[in-house]
Amino acid sequence: MPPLPSLSGREVVQFFLRDGWKVARQRGSHIILVKDGHIASLSVPDHKEVAKGTLRGLIRAADLTVDQFIGLKKHR
């Protein structure tokens, strides 16, 4: 498993947008993402750097692996 990159909250949102997630709203410093077919929503902190554990939890909640998440970077 490759190591997680250091990403800002907005960069994390861009990765999830490439996977079909959509921005539903922003409340304070958190960006809420939703996706058709998923019961859960993702709450991405809009920080300069998202903590590794938080990022790993978001990836898990999105039903992705770390490899799949990093692969989204290539789909620009």
N, C-alpha and C. Protein backbone atom coordinates (compact mmCIF):
# COMPACT_ATOMS: atom_id res chain seq x y z
N MET A 1 0.85 -1.17 0.00
CA MET A 1 0.00 0.00 0.00
C MET A 1 0.89 1.24 0.00
N PRO A 2 0.69 2.12 -0.95
CA PRO A 2 1.52 3.34 -1.01
C PRO A 2 1.15 4.29 0.14
N PRO A 3 2.10 5.11 0.54
CA PRO A 3 1.79 6.07 1.61
C PRO A 3 0.82 7.14 1.11
N LEU A 4 0.03 7.66 2.04
CA LEU A 4 -0.92 8.71 1.68
C LEU A 4 -0.18 10.02 1.46
N PRO A 5 -0.54 10.74 0.42
CA PRO A 5 0.09 12.04 0.18
C PRO A 5 -0.46 13.09 1.15
N SER A 6 0.29 14.15 1.36
CA SER A 6 -0.20 15.28 2.15
C SER A 6 -1.05 16.14 1.23
N LEU A 7 -2.33 16.28 1.56
CA LEU A 7 -3.26 17.01 0.72
C LEU A 7 -4.05 18.01 1.55
N SER A 8 -4.42 19.11 0.91
CA SER A 8 -5.31 20.07 1.56
C SER A 8 -6.74 19.57 1.42
N GLY A 9 -7.65 20.17 2.15
CA GLY A 9 -9.05 19.77 2.06
C GLY A 9 -9.62 19.94 0.67
N ARG A 10 -9.26 21.04 0.02
CA ARG A 10 -9.78 21.29 -1.33
C ARG A 10 -9.21 20.29 -2.34
N GLU A 11 -7.95 19.87 -2.15
CA GLU A 11 -7.37 18.84 -3.03
C GLU A 11 -8.09 17.51 -2.84
N VAL A 12 -8.40 17.17 -1.59
CA VAL A 12 -9.14 15.94 -1.31
C VAL A 12 -10.50 15.97 -1.99
N VAL A 13 -11.18 17.11 -1.93
CA VAL A 13 -12.48 17.25 -2.58
C VAL A 13 -12.33 17.02 -4.09
N GLN A 14 -11.29 17.55 -4.71
CA GLN A 14 -11.07 17.36 -6.15
C GLN A 14 -10.92 15.88 -6.49
N PHE A 15 -10.22 15.12 -5.63
CA PHE A 15 -10.06 13.68 -5.86
C PHE A 15 -11.43 13.00 -5.85
N PHE A 16 -12.25 13.33 -4.84
CA PHE A 16 -13.56 12.69 -4.73
C PHE A 16 -14.50 13.13 -5.85
N LEU A 17 -14.37 14.35 -6.33
CA LEU A 17 -15.20 14.79 -7.47
C LEU A 17 -14.92 13.94 -8.70
N ARG A 18 -13.68 13.53 -8.88
CA ARG A 18 -13.31 12.67 -10.02
C ARG A 18 -13.93 11.29 -9.90
N ASP A 19 -14.32 10.91 -8.66
CA ASP A 19 -14.93 9.60 -8.43
C ASP A 19 -16.45 9.68 -8.47
N GLY A 20 -17.01 10.83 -8.79
CA GLY A 20 -18.45 10.95 -8.93
C GLY A 20 -19.16 11.58 -7.75
N TRP A 21 -18.44 11.98 -6.72
CA TRP A 21 -19.04 12.67 -5.58
C TRP A 21 -19.37 14.09 -5.99
N LYS A 22 -20.36 14.70 -5.33
CA LYS A 22 -20.76 16.07 -5.63
C LYS A 22 -20.78 16.87 -4.34
N VAL A 23 -20.43 18.15 -4.44
CA VAL A 23 -20.48 19.04 -3.28
C VAL A 23 -21.94 19.37 -3.01
N ALA A 24 -22.41 19.01 -1.82
CA ALA A 24 -23.80 19.29 -1.44
C ALA A 24 -23.90 20.67 -0.78
N ARG A 25 -22.94 20.95 0.10
CA ARG A 25 -22.95 22.23 0.81
C ARG A 25 -21.64 22.38 1.56
N GLN A 26 -21.43 23.58 2.08
CA GLN A 26 -20.28 23.82 2.95
C GLN A 26 -20.81 24.52 4.20
N ARG A 27 -20.48 23.97 5.32
CA ARG A 27 -20.92 24.52 6.60
C ARG A 27 -19.67 24.80 7.42
N GLY A 28 -19.35 26.06 7.59
CA GLY A 28 -18.14 26.40 8.33
C GLY A 28 -16.91 25.93 7.58
N SER A 29 -16.08 25.16 8.25
CA SER A 29 -14.84 24.72 7.64
C SER A 29 -14.92 23.29 7.11
N HIS A 30 -16.12 22.77 6.87
CA HIS A 30 -16.27 21.42 6.35
C HIS A 30 -17.09 21.43 5.07
N ILE A 31 -16.60 20.68 4.08
CA ILE A 31 -17.28 20.55 2.79
C ILE A 31 -17.98 19.20 2.78
N ILE A 32 -19.27 19.19 2.54
CA ILE A 32 -20.07 17.97 2.57
C ILE A 32 -20.25 17.46 1.15
N LEU A 33 -19.86 16.19 0.94
CA LEU A 33 -19.97 15.56 -0.38
C LEU A 33 -21.01 14.44 -0.32
N VAL A 34 -21.76 14.28 -1.39
CA VAL A 34 -22.74 13.20 -1.50
C VAL A 34 -22.55 12.50 -2.84
N LYS A 35 -23.03 11.25 -2.89
CA LYS A 35 -22.94 10.48 -4.14
C LYS A 35 -24.17 9.58 -4.23
N ASP A 36 -24.77 9.55 -5.40
CA ASP A 36 -25.92 8.67 -5.61
C ASP A 36 -25.51 7.23 -5.35
N GLY A 37 -26.37 6.50 -4.63
CA GLY A 37 -26.08 5.11 -4.34
C GLY A 37 -25.35 4.90 -3.02
N HIS A 38 -24.90 5.96 -2.37
CA HIS A 38 -24.23 5.86 -1.08
C HIS A 38 -25.12 6.45 -0.01
N ILE A 39 -25.27 5.71 1.07
CA ILE A 39 -26.08 6.19 2.18
C ILE A 39 -25.34 7.30 2.92
N ALA A 40 -24.05 7.12 3.10
CA ALA A 40 -23.25 8.07 3.87
C ALA A 40 -22.85 9.27 3.01
N SER A 41 -22.57 10.37 3.70
CA SER A 41 -21.98 11.53 3.04
C SER A 41 -20.58 11.70 3.62
N LEU A 42 -19.75 12.45 2.92
CA LEU A 42 -18.38 12.69 3.38
C LEU A 42 -18.27 14.13 3.87
N SER A 43 -17.64 14.31 5.00
CA SER A 43 -17.42 15.63 5.56
C SER A 43 -15.92 15.91 5.53
N VAL A 44 -15.47 16.67 4.54
CA VAL A 44 -14.05 16.93 4.34
C VAL A 44 -13.69 18.26 5.00
N PRO A 45 -12.74 18.25 5.93
CA PRO A 45 -12.34 19.51 6.55
C PRO A 45 -11.59 20.39 5.56
N ASP A 46 -11.94 21.65 5.49
CA ASP A 46 -11.29 22.58 4.57
C ASP A 46 -10.07 23.19 5.27
N HIS A 47 -9.06 22.35 5.48
CA HIS A 47 -7.84 22.76 6.17
C HIS A 47 -6.67 22.76 5.20
N LYS A 48 -5.58 23.38 5.62
CA LYS A 48 -4.38 23.40 4.77
C LYS A 48 -3.84 22.00 4.55
N GLU A 49 -3.96 21.15 5.55
CA GLU A 49 -3.53 19.76 5.42
C GLU A 49 -4.50 18.88 6.19
N VAL A 50 -5.04 17.88 5.52
CA VAL A 50 -5.96 16.93 6.15
C VAL A 50 -5.11 15.87 6.84
N ALA A 51 -5.43 15.57 8.09
CA ALA A 51 -4.70 14.56 8.85
C ALA A 51 -4.79 13.20 8.16
N LYS A 52 -3.73 12.42 8.27
CA LYS A 52 -3.66 11.12 7.59
C LYS A 52 -4.80 10.20 8.02
N GLY A 53 -5.10 10.15 9.32
CA GLY A 53 -6.18 9.30 9.81
C GLY A 53 -7.53 9.73 9.28
N THR A 54 -7.75 11.04 9.22
CA THR A 54 -9.00 11.57 8.68
C THR A 54 -9.13 11.21 7.21
N LEU A 55 -8.05 11.37 6.46
CA LEU A 55 -8.07 11.04 5.03
C LEU A 55 -8.33 9.56 4.83
N ARG A 56 -7.70 8.73 5.62
CA ARG A 56 -7.90 7.28 5.50
C ARG A 56 -9.36 6.92 5.81
N GLY A 57 -9.95 7.58 6.80
CA GLY A 57 -11.35 7.34 7.13
C GLY A 57 -12.29 7.78 6.02
N LEU A 58 -11.99 8.90 5.38
CA LEU A 58 -12.80 9.37 4.25
C LEU A 58 -12.72 8.39 3.09
N ILE A 59 -11.52 7.90 2.83
CA ILE A 59 -11.33 6.93 1.73
C ILE A 59 -12.13 5.67 2.02
N ARG A 60 -12.09 5.20 3.26
CA ARG A 60 -12.82 4.00 3.65
C ARG A 60 -14.33 4.23 3.53
N ALA A 61 -14.81 5.41 3.97
CA ALA A 61 -16.24 5.72 3.90
C ALA A 61 -16.73 5.81 2.45
N ALA A 62 -15.84 6.15 1.54
CA ALA A 62 -16.19 6.25 0.13
C ALA A 62 -16.09 4.90 -0.58
N ASP A 63 -15.82 3.85 0.17
CA ASP A 63 -15.67 2.49 -0.38
C ASP A 63 -14.56 2.41 -1.42
N LEU A 64 -13.45 3.08 -1.14
CA LEU A 64 -12.28 3.03 -2.00
C LEU A 64 -11.10 2.45 -1.23
N THR A 65 -10.10 1.99 -1.96
CA THR A 65 -8.83 1.63 -1.34
C THR A 65 -7.89 2.82 -1.52
N VAL A 66 -6.79 2.80 -0.79
CA VAL A 66 -5.80 3.88 -0.92
C VAL A 66 -5.27 3.91 -2.35
N ASP A 67 -5.04 2.74 -2.93
CA ASP A 67 -4.54 2.67 -4.31
C ASP A 67 -5.53 3.30 -5.29
N GLN A 68 -6.82 3.01 -5.12
CA GLN A 68 -7.83 3.60 -5.99
C GLN A 68 -7.89 5.11 -5.81
N PHE A 69 -7.80 5.57 -4.57
CA PHE A 69 -7.84 7.00 -4.31
C PHE A 69 -6.66 7.71 -4.97
N ILE A 70 -5.47 7.17 -4.82
CA ILE A 70 -4.29 7.78 -5.43
C ILE A 70 -4.39 7.71 -6.95
N GLY A 71 -5.02 6.66 -7.48
CA GLY A 71 -5.23 6.53 -8.92
C GLY A 71 -6.12 7.62 -9.49
N LEU A 72 -6.98 8.20 -8.65
CA LEU A 72 -7.86 9.29 -9.11
C LEU A 72 -7.06 10.52 -9.49
N LYS A 73 -5.85 10.66 -8.97
CA LYS A 73 -5.01 11.82 -9.27
C LYS A 73 -4.67 11.86 -10.76
N LYS A 74 -4.54 10.68 -11.36
CA LYS A 74 -4.14 10.59 -12.76
C LYS A 74 -5.28 10.93 -13.71
N HIS A 75 -6.51 10.88 -13.24
CA HIS A 75 -7.68 11.15 -14.09
C HIS A 75 -8.02 12.63 -14.08
N ARG A 76 -7.20 13.43 -14.70
CA ARG A 76 -7.44 14.89 -14.73
C ARG A 76 -8.21 15.25 -15.91
